[in-house]
Amino acid sequence: MADDPTADFPLLTPMLVMRFDKFKAQGHIPRSNEAEAKELLEKFDAAASDQITVFISHQWWQSHHPDYTEGVNAHLKFRTVIHGVEQLIAKFGLDQRQVYICK
């Protein structure tokens, strides 16, 4: 379409993602530097036909950590994300090995 300003623009941006199973195994929301140090991050590959990426946008709940770390609410955001992604996997019959998290 000649009037479509996105016709020659792929609407993609470079980003790092983490396999959902690796994210889940952390037991908490890892800070970016922690995920990088543990080599958990991979480059998003838009051409990968089997890669399903869930983008999570969030605000840190504590000044020094993205989630609560103590008490009854410890890792509440992490548990909420896990539950939500597992619901998506179940609802759409996705293969968990193909699901990635981008935060």
Protein backbone atom coordinates (compact mmCIF):
# COMPACT_ATOMS: atom_id res chain seq x y z
CA MET A 1 0.00 0.00 0.00
CA ALA A 2 1.60 3.27 -1.12
CA ASP A 3 0.22 5.33 1.77
CA ASP A 4 1.30 2.87 4.46
CA PRO A 5 4.27 4.45 6.32
CA THR A 6 5.23 1.02 7.73
CA ALA A 7 5.40 -0.74 4.37
CA ASP A 8 9.22 -0.60 4.22
CA PHE A 9 9.79 -0.73 7.98
CA PRO A 10 9.80 -4.16 9.65
CA LEU A 11 8.42 -2.88 13.01
CA LEU A 12 11.10 -4.86 14.81
CA THR A 13 13.71 -3.75 17.29
CA PRO A 14 16.70 -5.61 18.71
CA MET A 15 15.99 -7.05 22.14
CA LEU A 16 17.18 -9.72 24.50
CA VAL A 17 14.83 -12.46 25.63
CA MET A 18 14.93 -15.35 28.08
CA ARG A 19 13.42 -18.78 27.59
CA PHE A 20 10.37 -19.11 29.84
CA ASP A 21 11.63 -22.32 31.44
CA LYS A 22 14.91 -20.58 32.38
CA PHE A 23 12.99 -17.56 33.72
CA LYS A 24 10.75 -19.83 35.78
CA ALA A 25 13.75 -21.74 37.19
CA GLN A 26 15.17 -18.51 38.68
CA GLY A 27 12.43 -18.38 41.35
CA HIS A 28 12.45 -14.58 41.15
CA ILE A 29 12.64 -11.79 38.60
CA PRO A 30 16.34 -11.51 37.83
CA ARG A 31 17.81 -8.09 37.29
CA SER A 32 19.17 -7.60 33.79
CA ASN A 33 22.79 -7.71 34.97
CA GLU A 34 22.12 -10.96 36.86
CA ALA A 35 20.50 -12.55 33.80
CA GLU A 36 23.40 -11.42 31.65
CA ALA A 37 26.00 -12.74 34.12
CA LYS A 38 24.24 -16.13 34.20
CA GLU A 39 24.11 -16.12 30.37
CA LEU A 40 20.32 -16.50 30.39
CA LEU A 41 19.66 -13.94 27.67
CA GLU A 42 19.39 -14.60 23.95
CA LYS A 43 18.92 -12.24 21.03
CA PHE A 44 15.35 -12.11 19.80
CA ASP A 45 15.13 -13.72 16.38
CA ALA A 46 12.09 -12.52 14.44
CA ALA A 47 12.83 -15.07 11.73
CA ALA A 48 12.60 -17.99 14.16
CA SER A 49 9.29 -19.57 13.30
CA ASP A 50 9.10 -21.39 16.63
CA GLN A 51 9.86 -18.45 18.94
CA ILE A 52 6.87 -17.02 20.84
CA THR A 53 7.83 -13.99 22.90
CA VAL A 54 5.75 -12.52 25.72
CA PHE A 55 6.67 -8.90 26.43
CA ILE A 56 6.34 -7.93 30.11
CA SER A 57 6.40 -4.25 31.00
CA HIS A 58 6.61 -3.52 34.70
CA GLN A 59 7.62 -0.99 37.30
CA TRP A 60 9.96 -1.95 40.12
CA TRP A 61 8.08 -2.39 43.40
CA GLN A 62 11.12 -1.59 45.53
CA SER A 63 13.92 0.87 44.85
CA HIS A 64 16.60 -1.85 44.86
CA HIS A 65 14.66 -4.83 43.45
CA PRO A 66 11.93 -5.32 40.82
CA ASP A 67 9.73 -7.41 43.14
CA TYR A 68 9.00 -7.84 46.83
CA THR A 69 11.68 -9.98 48.44
CA GLU A 70 10.26 -10.69 51.91
CA GLY A 71 7.03 -11.44 53.70
CA VAL A 72 3.71 -12.70 52.38
CA ASN A 73 4.20 -10.80 49.10
CA ALA A 74 7.70 -12.17 48.43
CA HIS A 75 8.10 -12.71 44.67
CA LEU A 76 4.45 -11.81 44.08
CA LYS A 77 5.14 -10.23 40.69
CA PHE A 78 7.26 -13.21 39.65
CA ARG A 79 4.49 -15.63 40.65
CA THR A 80 1.91 -13.51 38.81
CA VAL A 81 3.99 -13.50 35.61
CA ILE A 82 4.53 -17.28 35.83
CA HIS A 83 0.81 -17.88 36.33
CA GLY A 84 -0.16 -15.59 33.46
CA VAL A 85 2.30 -17.12 30.99
CA GLU A 86 1.29 -20.64 32.02
CA GLN A 87 -2.33 -19.67 31.36
CA LEU A 88 -1.37 -18.45 27.86
CA ILE A 89 0.53 -21.69 27.22
CA ALA A 90 -2.45 -23.79 28.30
CA LYS A 91 -5.09 -21.70 26.50
CA PHE A 92 -3.28 -21.70 23.16
CA GLY A 93 -1.66 -25.16 23.45
CA LEU A 94 1.84 -23.74 23.15
CA ASP A 95 5.03 -25.70 23.55
CA GLN A 96 6.68 -24.18 26.66
CA ARG A 97 10.11 -24.68 25.05
CA GLN A 98 9.14 -22.12 22.38
CA VAL A 99 8.01 -19.43 24.83
CA TYR A 100 10.34 -16.57 25.74
CA ILE A 101 10.05 -13.64 28.15
CA CYS A 102 11.13 -10.10 27.35
CA LYS A 103 11.00 -7.61 30.19
